[in-house]
Amino acid sequence: MRDFALGSLTPRGTRRVIYNSDPSNTTRHLSEPAAKPEELRRIVRNYAREGAIDVLVQEIWHQGWTQFWRTDRCPYDARDQHRRLIPIMDAGVMPVEIYIDECHKQNMTFIAGFRVNDRHGHNADLFERLSEAHPEWILKEYKPSSPRTADARSYQYGCALDYSVEGVRNWVCSIMEEAANRFDIDGIELNYTRLPACFPKGKADASHAIMTGFVRRVRAMLDKAGKKKGRKLLLGARILQHLEGCTKMGLDIPAWTKERLVDYIVPGDIGFTDFNAEYEAFVRLARAHDCDVYPQVQAMLGYHHRTLVQTPDHYRAAVQNFYGAGADGFSTQNYFEVEALNTLKVLRDPNRVAAGDRHYVFYPLWGPGGGSQAGYQWDFPYHPERIVLDRQKPDERGEFRFRICEHLPADSEIHGEAVISGAILIFRPGIVPGDELLVDINGMTIPSEEIRCEWSDEADRPPVCRFALRSPPAVYGDNHLGLKPVKSAPGATGEIVMNEVEVIVTAAR
């Protein structure tokens, strides 16, 4: 597909909302010690009624064990919340069958989710056995991503599978094949964001052919199973939000779309909502080859803001950018609060999204060096937006890119911290009293008298600065906040760092 301007495309098809339910999302709400089938049906009906969800992706395999069904090919989840489903299975019904039946009654598509290489480190029993029977199957250099909850043995035996080994691919494919033929699923989703490392360190970007062959094999298996069912079965892939990162991790998205191996892709970060990602890169590939795009929204805003849960205003802002980039809808990840599902009804409609207030957040998703004991910084490239200014170089301007797919008015009015009309930009420059900065948007200087800075009582905390954002100088799509040091406070040392920007847009009333 040729290049296109942001905001020029409209969503395709009728599916707008893909709800991803992780393995323990619903089991924690079930009765103890034995869940009841009606509880599962009630959960699905709530998805349909409160969330107007089009596609339910219930993840049914991760960490080498199954959830919601049993098979002789691998163990069933040993955690307490999943033991609640054993009485239903002992009675001869797999809980996944209840989910599927109720989804179809509610006119929802049911996709069986498979986390390709989840390494939370809970299934140490399996990896202990593999270390004896198939030690070559294990990526020992990757450690558990959840050190607080991981089984300590996972550090010794490992917790990730090596997909360069044919035996691993054969085993995982056999489990998917059983699920596709045994149950009336509508497709399979491959989740590479929990987590993306599938090959030995340093070898992933040379392993495209291996992973593409694996995806091609799953596609062929689904086509064969679908032929028996009399309908096409979908194949989706949950992937990193940057093509560069996908390529680095061995995921050849251009090949997958060109060969029409996948019916939809779900780009997103591994833990947080990315408001700034350039999702149009995926849209260009997908629209040329009949593939849909559903970027991810998640519940949290960033590694340093993990206690902050996204509000409806945040969700509207993120999805506004998704639609601006040409997405066909959106998908959730780690969206747990069932009572908040009503927000999804709004997000499915671009007009209703634009009719509500939007709060854009451009924070570092991860901390220095990746911000995690799991070593994410070694997995894939991550380039957060930030400005670093040298006090001794007053002529050097730093630039911070931020995306808002908004047609802002020529005038905005703010009162204190509130936006009366239009938009407000908030940024946190690492300055001290006596520093002076020249601020611009897209090269147009913002008069200093229009910028309000509030200083904290804590001496080591930078101020919070804000000003009304108008168009011009702001534009629809990518904008650039520029900062240039004009004066350095006497005795001040160190660099001036700015890596947090917010834009609050008040919808026209």
Protein backbone atom coordinates (compact mmCIF):
# COMPACT_ATOMS: atom_id res chain seq x y z
CA MET A 1 0.00 0.00 0.00
CA ARG A 2 1.22 3.50 -0.76
CA ASP A 3 1.87 5.96 2.03
CA PHE A 4 -1.12 7.80 3.46
CA ALA A 5 -1.74 10.83 5.62
CA LEU A 6 -2.65 10.31 9.25
CA GLY A 7 -6.40 10.60 9.69
CA SER A 8 -7.21 9.74 6.07
CA LEU A 9 -8.30 6.11 6.61
CA THR A 10 -11.43 4.69 8.19
CA PRO A 11 -11.69 1.34 10.00
CA ARG A 12 -12.50 -1.71 7.89
CA GLY A 13 -14.96 -4.48 8.63
CA THR A 14 -17.24 -4.73 11.65
CA ARG A 15 -14.87 -6.02 14.33
CA ARG A 16 -13.64 -3.14 16.50
CA VAL A 17 -12.91 -4.63 19.93
CA ILE A 18 -10.69 -7.61 20.69
CA TYR A 19 -10.73 -8.43 24.38
CA ASN A 20 -7.73 -10.41 25.56
CA SER A 21 -8.39 -12.41 28.71
CA ASP A 22 -5.20 -13.70 30.23
CA PRO A 23 -5.13 -17.17 31.84
CA SER A 24 -6.08 -15.95 35.33
CA ASN A 25 -8.25 -12.97 34.41
CA THR A 26 -11.53 -14.76 35.12
CA THR A 27 -10.53 -17.72 37.28
CA ARG A 28 -9.91 -15.40 40.22
CA HIS A 29 -13.63 -14.49 40.17
CA LEU A 30 -14.84 -18.10 40.31
CA SER A 31 -16.19 -19.92 43.34
CA GLU A 32 -13.89 -21.90 45.59
CA PRO A 33 -13.17 -24.74 45.72
CA ALA A 34 -15.30 -25.60 42.69
CA ALA A 35 -16.39 -23.24 39.93
CA LYS A 36 -19.82 -23.52 38.37
CA PRO A 37 -20.46 -23.62 34.60
CA GLU A 38 -23.01 -20.82 34.91
CA GLU A 39 -20.30 -18.54 36.30
CA LEU A 40 -18.34 -18.92 33.08
CA ARG A 41 -21.40 -18.18 30.98
CA ARG A 42 -22.18 -15.11 33.09
CA ILE A 43 -18.67 -13.75 32.46
CA VAL A 44 -19.08 -14.09 28.69
CA ARG A 45 -22.53 -12.52 28.75
CA ASN A 46 -21.07 -9.60 30.67
CA TYR A 47 -18.38 -9.18 28.00
CA ALA A 48 -21.09 -9.00 25.36
CA ARG A 49 -23.52 -6.79 27.28
CA GLU A 50 -21.17 -4.35 29.04
CA GLY A 51 -18.26 -4.30 26.64
CA ALA A 52 -19.88 -4.88 23.24
CA ILE A 53 -16.84 -7.07 22.55
CA ASP A 54 -16.54 -8.55 19.07
CA VAL A 55 -13.72 -11.03 19.67
CA LEU A 56 -12.84 -12.80 22.91
CA VAL A 57 -9.27 -14.08 23.02
CA GLN A 58 -9.15 -16.43 25.96
CA GLU A 59 -5.58 -17.54 26.50
CA ILE A 60 -5.63 -21.29 27.09
CA TRP A 61 -1.91 -22.19 27.01
CA HIS A 62 1.17 -20.58 28.49
CA GLN A 63 4.31 -21.51 30.41
CA GLY A 64 3.99 -25.03 29.02
CA TRP A 65 0.67 -25.89 30.65
CA THR A 66 -2.99 -25.56 29.67
CA GLN A 67 -5.81 -23.53 31.17
CA PHE A 68 -9.56 -24.25 30.77
CA TRP A 69 -8.87 -27.69 29.25
CA ARG A 70 -6.76 -30.80 29.75
CA THR A 71 -4.67 -32.75 27.31
CA ASP A 72 -2.20 -35.62 27.50
CA ARG A 73 0.37 -33.48 25.63
CA CYS A 74 1.26 -31.19 28.55
CA PRO A 75 0.33 -30.60 32.21
CA TYR A 76 -2.64 -28.58 33.42
CA ASP A 77 -2.07 -25.35 35.38
CA ALA A 78 -1.22 -26.20 38.98
CA ARG A 79 -2.04 -22.82 40.52
CA ASP A 80 -4.92 -22.60 42.99
CA GLN A 81 -7.18 -20.37 40.88
CA HIS A 82 -7.09 -22.91 38.06
CA ARG A 83 -7.74 -25.89 40.31
CA ARG A 84 -11.27 -24.50 40.76
CA LEU A 85 -12.11 -25.72 37.25
CA ILE A 86 -11.08 -29.34 37.84
CA PRO A 87 -14.55 -30.49 39.05
CA ILE A 88 -16.09 -29.25 35.79
CA MET A 89 -13.48 -31.17 33.80
CA ASP A 90 -13.92 -34.26 35.95
CA ALA A 91 -17.62 -34.11 35.05
CA GLY A 92 -16.67 -34.47 31.39
CA VAL A 93 -16.83 -30.88 30.14
CA MET A 94 -13.87 -28.68 29.33
CA PRO A 95 -14.48 -25.10 30.55
CA VAL A 96 -13.25 -23.78 27.20
CA GLU A 97 -16.26 -25.49 25.59
CA ILE A 98 -18.57 -23.46 27.83
CA TYR A 99 -16.79 -20.26 26.85
CA ILE A 100 -17.05 -21.11 23.15
CA ASP A 101 -20.72 -22.05 23.31
CA GLU A 102 -21.69 -18.88 25.16
CA CYS A 103 -19.55 -16.69 22.87
CA HIS A 104 -21.36 -18.04 19.84
CA LYS A 105 -24.74 -17.52 21.52
CA GLN A 106 -23.71 -13.89 22.06
CA ASN A 107 -22.50 -13.55 18.42
CA MET A 108 -18.90 -13.19 19.58
CA THR A 109 -15.87 -14.70 17.88
CA PHE A 110 -13.85 -17.02 20.13
CA ILE A 111 -10.09 -17.12 19.62
CA ALA A 112 -7.87 -19.51 21.57
CA GLY A 113 -4.83 -17.60 22.80
CA PHE A 114 -1.38 -19.19 23.04
CA ARG A 115 1.46 -17.31 24.73
CA VAL A 116 4.37 -18.39 22.59
CA ASN A 117 7.02 -18.02 25.30
CA ASP A 118 5.64 -16.72 28.57
CA ARG A 119 8.38 -16.74 31.16
CA HIS A 120 6.72 -15.72 34.39
CA GLY A 121 8.52 -18.70 35.90
CA HIS A 122 5.60 -20.48 37.56
CA ASN A 123 5.84 -23.90 35.89
CA ALA A 124 9.18 -25.02 37.30
CA ASP A 125 8.06 -28.67 37.40
CA LEU A 126 7.94 -28.82 33.60
CA PHE A 127 11.31 -27.19 33.10
CA GLU A 128 12.89 -29.40 35.73
CA ARG A 129 11.70 -32.42 33.74
CA LEU A 130 12.85 -30.85 30.46
CA SER A 131 16.29 -30.23 31.92
CA GLU A 132 16.61 -34.02 32.21
CA ALA A 133 14.81 -35.16 29.04
CA HIS A 134 15.40 -32.26 26.61
CA PRO A 135 17.87 -29.72 28.01
CA GLU A 136 18.38 -28.33 24.49
CA TRP A 137 14.76 -27.11 24.53
CA ILE A 138 15.47 -24.50 27.22
CA LEU A 139 16.72 -20.93 26.77
CA LYS A 140 18.72 -20.85 30.00
CA GLU A 141 19.97 -17.26 29.54
CA TYR A 142 16.47 -15.83 30.03
CA LYS A 143 15.33 -15.49 33.63
CA PRO A 144 11.80 -15.16 35.06
CA SER A 145 10.04 -11.90 34.26
CA SER A 146 8.19 -11.89 37.59
CA PRO A 147 10.83 -12.39 40.27
CA ARG A 148 8.34 -11.69 43.07
CA THR A 149 6.08 -14.61 42.15
CA ALA A 150 8.32 -16.97 40.17
CA ASP A 151 9.20 -20.39 41.50
CA ALA A 152 12.81 -20.12 42.71
CA ARG A 153 13.67 -23.27 40.77
CA SER A 154 13.01 -21.37 37.51
CA TYR A 155 16.33 -19.60 37.97
CA GLN A 156 18.06 -22.97 38.03
CA TYR A 157 16.13 -24.85 35.36
CA GLY A 158 14.97 -22.00 33.12
CA CYS A 159 11.51 -20.87 32.05
CA ALA A 160 11.69 -20.17 28.28
CA LEU A 161 11.55 -22.45 25.25
CA ASP A 162 14.04 -22.33 22.37
CA TYR A 163 12.06 -22.22 19.11
CA SER A 164 15.17 -22.84 17.06
CA VAL A 165 14.80 -26.47 18.21
CA GLU A 166 12.47 -28.48 15.99
CA GLY A 167 11.23 -30.55 18.91
CA VAL A 168 9.88 -27.43 20.62
CA ARG A 169 8.04 -26.32 17.50
CA ASN A 170 6.61 -29.82 16.96
CA TRP A 171 5.39 -30.01 20.56
CA VAL A 172 3.72 -26.59 20.61
CA CYS A 173 2.13 -27.15 17.19
CA SER A 174 0.71 -30.47 18.34
CA ILE A 175 -1.06 -28.78 21.25
CA MET A 176 -2.49 -26.09 18.96
CA GLU A 177 -3.62 -28.72 16.47
CA GLU A 178 -5.47 -30.63 19.17
CA ALA A 179 -7.25 -27.46 20.34
CA ALA A 180 -8.23 -26.52 16.77
CA ASN A 181 -9.70 -29.92 15.99
CA ARG A 182 -11.13 -30.82 19.37
CA PHE A 183 -12.99 -27.58 20.07
CA ASP A 184 -15.23 -25.32 17.99
CA ILE A 185 -12.81 -22.38 18.15
CA ASP A 186 -12.84 -19.62 15.53
CA GLY A 187 -9.09 -19.28 15.42
CA ILE A 188 -5.82 -19.01 17.30
CA GLU A 189 -3.82 -16.00 18.46
CA LEU A 190 -0.05 -16.20 18.94
CA ASN A 191 1.00 -13.89 21.76
CA TYR A 192 4.60 -12.71 21.34
CA THR A 193 4.35 -9.87 23.85
CA ARG A 194 4.32 -12.29 26.81
CA LEU A 195 7.28 -12.46 26.04
CA PRO A 196 9.06 -12.00 22.71
CA ALA A 197 12.32 -13.89 23.32
CA CYS A 198 12.09 -17.19 21.42
CA PHE A 199 15.71 -17.66 20.31
CA PRO A 200 19.14 -17.59 21.94
CA LYS A 201 20.53 -14.12 22.59
CA GLY A 202 22.19 -12.68 19.52
CA LYS A 203 20.53 -15.12 17.12
CA ALA A 204 16.93 -13.94 16.91
CA ASP A 205 17.39 -11.45 14.04
CA ALA A 206 18.91 -14.27 11.98
CA SER A 207 16.05 -16.66 12.77
CA HIS A 208 13.25 -15.14 10.69
CA ALA A 209 12.95 -18.20 8.47
CA ILE A 210 12.46 -20.47 11.48
CA MET A 211 9.67 -18.43 13.06
CA THR A 212 8.01 -17.72 9.72
CA GLY A 213 8.05 -21.45 9.06
CA PHE A 214 6.38 -22.00 12.43
CA VAL A 215 3.65 -19.44 11.66
CA ARG A 216 3.21 -20.93 8.17
CA ARG A 217 2.74 -24.34 9.77
CA VAL A 218 0.07 -23.01 12.16
CA ARG A 219 -1.69 -21.34 9.23
CA ALA A 220 -1.76 -24.59 7.25
CA MET A 221 -3.04 -26.50 10.26
CA LEU A 222 -5.86 -23.99 10.78
CA ASP A 223 -6.78 -24.13 7.08
CA LYS A 224 -7.06 -27.90 7.29
CA ALA A 225 -9.13 -27.78 10.49
CA GLY A 226 -11.28 -25.01 9.06
CA LYS A 227 -12.03 -27.06 5.96
CA LYS A 228 -13.51 -29.75 8.19
CA LYS A 229 -15.58 -27.15 10.06
CA GLY A 230 -16.77 -25.54 6.84
CA ARG A 231 -15.37 -22.07 7.61
CA LYS A 232 -12.07 -20.24 7.73
CA LEU A 233 -10.29 -20.16 11.08
CA LEU A 234 -8.50 -16.93 11.94
CA LEU A 235 -4.85 -16.55 12.89
CA GLY A 236 -3.78 -13.47 14.82
CA ALA A 237 -0.45 -12.35 16.23
CA ARG A 238 0.15 -10.11 19.27
CA ILE A 239 3.47 -8.42 18.52
CA LEU A 240 5.76 -5.57 19.57
CA GLN A 241 4.71 -2.03 18.66
CA HIS A 242 7.75 -1.28 16.49
CA LEU A 243 8.76 -3.15 13.34
CA GLU A 244 12.38 -2.71 14.41
CA GLY A 245 11.71 -4.60 17.61
CA CYS A 246 9.79 -7.37 15.83
CA THR A 247 12.63 -7.79 13.34
CA LYS A 248 15.21 -7.89 16.14
CA MET A 249 13.27 -10.64 17.91
CA GLY A 250 12.91 -12.84 14.81
CA LEU A 251 9.37 -11.85 13.84
CA ASP A 252 9.21 -11.08 10.11
CA ILE A 253 5.91 -9.20 10.01
CA PRO A 254 6.30 -8.10 6.35
CA ALA A 255 6.62 -11.76 5.33
CA TRP A 256 3.68 -12.84 7.49
CA THR A 257 1.39 -10.25 5.93
CA LYS A 258 2.66 -10.65 2.37
CA GLU A 259 2.06 -14.41 2.51
CA ARG A 260 -1.33 -13.76 4.17
CA LEU A 261 -0.39 -16.04 7.04
CA VAL A 262 -2.10 -13.83 9.62
CA ASP A 263 -5.60 -12.36 9.48
CA TYR A 264 -4.92 -9.69 12.07
CA ILE A 265 -2.03 -8.26 14.07
CA VAL A 266 -2.08 -6.65 17.51
CA PRO A 267 0.96 -4.40 17.99
CA GLY A 268 1.73 -3.10 21.47
CA ASP A 269 4.19 -2.84 24.32
CA ILE A 270 4.80 -5.77 26.65
CA GLY A 271 3.35 -3.95 29.65
CA PHE A 272 2.01 -0.47 29.03
CA THR A 273 -0.06 1.57 26.58
CA ASP A 274 2.14 3.29 24.00
CA PHE A 275 0.46 6.55 22.95
CA ASN A 276 3.36 7.52 20.68
CA ALA A 277 3.99 4.43 18.54
CA GLU A 278 3.82 4.83 14.76
CA TYR A 279 1.23 2.13 14.11
CA GLU A 280 0.80 3.25 10.50
CA ALA A 281 3.91 1.19 9.69
CA PHE A 282 1.84 -1.93 10.40
CA VAL A 283 -1.23 -0.52 8.66
CA ARG A 284 0.72 -0.06 5.40
CA LEU A 285 1.75 -3.72 5.45
CA ALA A 286 -1.60 -5.06 6.57
CA ARG A 287 -3.87 -3.12 4.22
CA ALA A 288 -1.87 -4.28 1.23
CA HIS A 289 -2.52 -7.92 2.13
CA ASP A 290 -6.01 -8.12 3.65
CA CYS A 291 -4.87 -8.12 7.27
CA ASP A 292 -6.50 -6.13 10.08
CA VAL A 293 -4.67 -4.06 12.72
CA TYR A 294 -5.75 -3.71 16.37
CA PRO A 295 -3.18 -1.85 18.53
CA GLN A 296 -3.20 -2.60 22.25
CA VAL A 297 -4.41 -0.58 25.20
CA GLN A 298 -3.28 -1.69 28.63
CA ALA A 299 -4.20 -0.75 32.17
CA MET A 300 -0.99 1.02 33.19
CA LEU A 301 0.93 4.06 31.94
CA GLY A 302 4.59 3.23 32.46
CA TYR A 303 7.23 1.59 34.62
CA HIS A 304 7.64 4.63 36.89
CA HIS A 305 3.87 5.17 37.07
CA ARG A 306 2.72 1.63 37.77
CA THR A 307 0.39 2.82 40.50
CA LEU A 308 -1.49 5.01 38.01
CA VAL A 309 -4.36 3.19 36.31
CA GLN A 310 -5.59 4.54 33.01
CA THR A 311 -8.79 6.56 33.05
CA PRO A 312 -11.40 6.64 30.26
CA ASP A 313 -9.78 9.92 29.13
CA HIS A 314 -6.47 8.08 28.69
CA TYR A 315 -8.10 5.27 26.75
CA ARG A 316 -9.89 7.71 24.45
CA ALA A 317 -6.61 9.50 23.72
CA ALA A 318 -4.75 6.29 22.90
CA VAL A 319 -7.52 4.97 20.64
CA GLN A 320 -7.87 8.37 18.96
CA ASN A 321 -4.25 7.94 17.84
CA PHE A 322 -4.91 4.34 16.78
CA TYR A 323 -7.74 5.39 14.49
CA GLY A 324 -5.66 8.29 13.21
CA ALA A 325 -2.97 5.80 12.16
CA GLY A 326 -5.52 3.76 10.19
CA ALA A 327 -6.25 0.98 12.69
CA ASP A 328 -9.39 -1.13 12.32
CA GLY A 329 -10.08 -1.08 16.06
CA PHE A 330 -8.14 -1.92 19.19
CA SER A 331 -7.34 -4.76 21.53
CA THR A 332 -6.99 -4.91 25.28
CA GLN A 333 -4.18 -6.47 27.31
CA ASN A 334 -4.25 -6.64 31.11
CA TYR A 335 -7.65 -4.92 31.15
CA PHE A 336 -8.97 -6.70 34.22
CA GLU A 337 -11.74 -4.62 35.76
CA VAL A 338 -14.95 -6.12 34.45
CA GLU A 339 -17.01 -3.22 35.78
CA ALA A 340 -14.99 -0.89 33.53
CA LEU A 341 -15.97 -2.72 30.36
CA ASN A 342 -18.53 -0.06 29.49
CA THR A 343 -15.63 2.14 28.36
CA LEU A 344 -15.05 -0.31 25.50
CA LYS A 345 -18.44 0.56 24.03
CA VAL A 346 -17.25 4.13 23.58
CA LEU A 347 -13.86 3.18 22.19
CA ARG A 348 -15.32 1.05 19.41
CA ASP A 349 -16.84 4.18 17.78
CA PRO A 350 -14.36 6.78 16.42
CA ASN A 351 -17.03 9.48 16.66
CA ARG A 352 -17.73 8.80 20.33
CA VAL A 353 -14.00 8.73 21.04
CA ALA A 354 -13.63 12.19 19.50
CA ALA A 355 -16.65 13.45 21.43
CA GLY A 356 -15.04 12.81 24.82
CA ASP A 357 -12.14 14.40 26.64
CA ARG A 358 -8.72 12.92 25.85
CA HIS A 359 -5.64 12.75 28.07
CA TYR A 360 -2.45 11.88 26.20
CA VAL A 361 0.49 10.63 28.23
CA PHE A 362 4.02 10.41 26.88
CA TYR A 363 6.03 8.85 29.69
CA PRO A 364 9.01 6.49 29.45
CA LEU A 365 7.42 3.06 29.30
CA TRP A 366 10.44 1.50 30.97
CA GLY A 367 13.13 2.78 33.29
CA PRO A 368 16.88 3.10 32.76
CA GLY A 369 18.27 -0.02 31.13
CA GLY A 370 14.79 -1.39 30.54
CA GLY A 371 13.62 -0.92 34.11
CA SER A 372 13.19 -4.60 34.85
CA GLN A 373 15.00 -7.43 36.50
CA ALA A 374 13.87 -9.51 33.54
CA GLY A 375 16.42 -7.89 31.26
CA TYR A 376 13.98 -6.52 28.70
CA GLN A 377 16.65 -4.08 27.55
CA TRP A 378 18.53 -6.97 25.99
CA ASP A 379 15.52 -8.37 24.18
CA PHE A 380 14.58 -5.64 21.73
CA PRO A 381 15.38 -1.99 20.98
CA TYR A 382 13.53 0.58 23.04
CA HIS A 383 14.01 4.28 22.29
CA PRO A 384 12.06 6.55 24.67
CA GLU A 385 11.57 10.18 23.75
CA ARG A 386 13.67 12.49 25.91
CA ILE A 387 15.51 15.79 25.84
CA VAL A 388 18.95 16.11 27.41
CA LEU A 389 20.43 19.63 27.46
CA ASP A 390 23.98 20.67 28.29
CA ARG A 391 23.97 23.84 30.39
CA GLN A 392 27.23 24.89 28.77
CA LYS A 393 25.77 24.80 25.26
CA PRO A 394 22.98 27.40 25.13
CA ASP A 395 22.59 27.19 21.37
CA GLU A 396 21.68 23.51 21.31
CA ARG A 397 17.97 22.72 21.06
CA GLY A 398 16.51 19.44 22.23
CA GLU A 399 13.36 17.95 20.71
CA PHE A 400 10.63 15.65 22.03
CA ARG A 401 8.20 14.05 19.55
CA PHE A 402 4.63 13.56 20.71
CA ARG A 403 1.67 12.36 18.63
CA ILE A 404 -1.83 13.78 18.95
CA CYS A 405 -4.22 13.01 16.12
CA GLU A 406 -6.22 16.11 16.90
CA HIS A 407 -7.53 19.10 14.97
CA LEU A 408 -6.96 21.63 17.74
CA PRO A 409 -8.66 25.02 17.69
CA ALA A 410 -6.75 28.25 17.10
CA ASP A 411 -7.42 29.27 20.68
CA SER A 412 -7.35 27.34 23.94
CA GLU A 413 -8.36 28.55 27.37
CA ILE A 414 -6.96 27.16 30.61
CA HIS A 415 -7.71 28.06 34.18
CA GLY A 416 -5.18 26.83 36.72
CA GLU A 417 -4.78 23.12 36.01
CA ALA A 418 -8.06 22.82 34.12
CA VAL A 419 -8.69 23.09 30.41
CA ILE A 420 -11.75 25.23 29.77
CA SER A 421 -11.60 24.71 26.02
CA GLY A 422 -9.04 23.38 23.54
CA ALA A 423 -5.89 21.76 24.88
CA ILE A 424 -3.12 22.16 27.42
CA LEU A 425 0.43 20.79 27.26
CA ILE A 426 2.18 19.76 30.48
CA PHE A 427 5.89 19.01 30.72
CA ARG A 428 8.40 18.47 33.52
CA PRO A 429 11.81 19.95 32.68
CA GLY A 430 14.65 19.05 35.04
CA ILE A 431 15.50 22.66 35.86
CA VAL A 432 16.28 24.48 39.09
CA PRO A 433 15.30 28.03 40.15
CA GLY A 434 17.26 30.49 38.06
CA ASP A 435 17.32 28.33 34.90
CA GLU A 436 15.66 29.78 31.85
CA LEU A 437 14.50 27.82 28.78
CA LEU A 438 13.24 28.82 25.35
CA VAL A 439 10.19 26.68 24.59
CA ASP A 440 8.72 26.03 21.14
CA ILE A 441 6.21 23.81 19.39
CA ASN A 442 7.29 22.74 15.91
CA GLY A 443 9.81 25.59 15.86
CA MET A 444 7.34 28.33 16.87
CA THR A 445 8.34 29.95 20.18
CA ILE A 446 5.85 29.90 23.05
CA PRO A 447 5.98 33.29 24.83
CA SER A 448 7.38 32.89 28.34
CA GLU A 449 4.44 34.78 29.83
CA GLU A 450 2.11 32.01 28.57
CA ILE A 451 4.03 29.29 30.40
CA ARG A 452 3.11 28.62 34.01
CA CYS A 453 5.52 26.61 36.17
CA GLU A 454 4.63 25.25 39.59
CA TRP A 455 7.51 24.40 41.90
CA SER A 456 7.39 21.67 44.51
CA ASP A 457 8.17 22.29 48.17
CA GLU A 458 10.72 19.50 47.80
CA ALA A 459 13.98 21.07 46.64
CA ASP A 460 15.04 18.12 44.49
CA ARG A 461 11.82 17.93 42.49
CA PRO A 462 11.53 19.72 39.12
CA PRO A 463 8.63 22.03 38.35
CA VAL A 464 5.50 21.13 36.44
CA CYS A 465 5.09 23.54 33.53
CA ARG A 466 2.05 24.05 31.33
CA PHE A 467 0.72 26.22 28.56
CA ALA A 468 -2.27 26.38 26.24
CA LEU A 469 -1.72 24.35 23.07
CA ARG A 470 -3.19 25.78 19.90
CA SER A 471 -3.18 25.14 16.17
CA PRO A 472 -1.01 26.59 14.83
CA PRO A 473 1.65 25.77 15.90
CA ALA A 474 0.31 22.29 16.77
CA VAL A 475 -0.61 20.00 13.89
CA TYR A 476 -2.63 16.80 13.46
CA GLY A 477 -0.24 13.91 14.10
CA ASP A 478 3.40 14.21 15.13
CA ASN A 479 4.45 17.37 16.95
CA HIS A 480 7.75 18.39 18.47
CA LEU A 481 8.28 20.17 21.76
CA GLY A 482 11.57 22.04 21.57
CA LEU A 483 13.65 23.23 24.53
CA LYS A 484 16.78 25.39 24.44
CA PRO A 485 18.72 26.64 27.49
CA VAL A 486 18.88 30.43 27.67
CA LYS A 487 20.33 30.92 31.13
CA SER A 488 21.76 28.54 33.69
CA ALA A 489 21.24 29.16 37.40
CA PRO A 490 24.43 30.25 39.21
CA GLY A 491 26.26 27.21 40.49
CA ALA A 492 23.91 24.75 38.77
CA THR A 493 25.56 21.64 37.40
CA GLY A 494 24.49 18.56 35.53
CA GLU A 495 22.26 18.12 32.51
CA ILE A 496 18.70 19.31 32.09
CA VAL A 497 16.57 16.25 31.35
CA MET A 498 12.94 16.24 30.22
CA ASN A 499 11.16 12.96 29.46
CA GLU A 500 7.51 13.44 30.46
CA VAL A 501 4.86 15.23 28.42
CA GLU A 502 1.07 15.22 28.69
CA VAL A 503 -1.60 16.78 26.50
CA ILE A 504 -5.14 17.20 27.77
CA VAL A 505 -7.79 17.89 25.16
CA THR A 506 -11.25 19.08 26.16
CA ALA A 507 -13.92 18.01 23.68
CA ALA A 508 -16.15 20.67 22.22
CA ARG A 509 -19.27 21.04 24.33
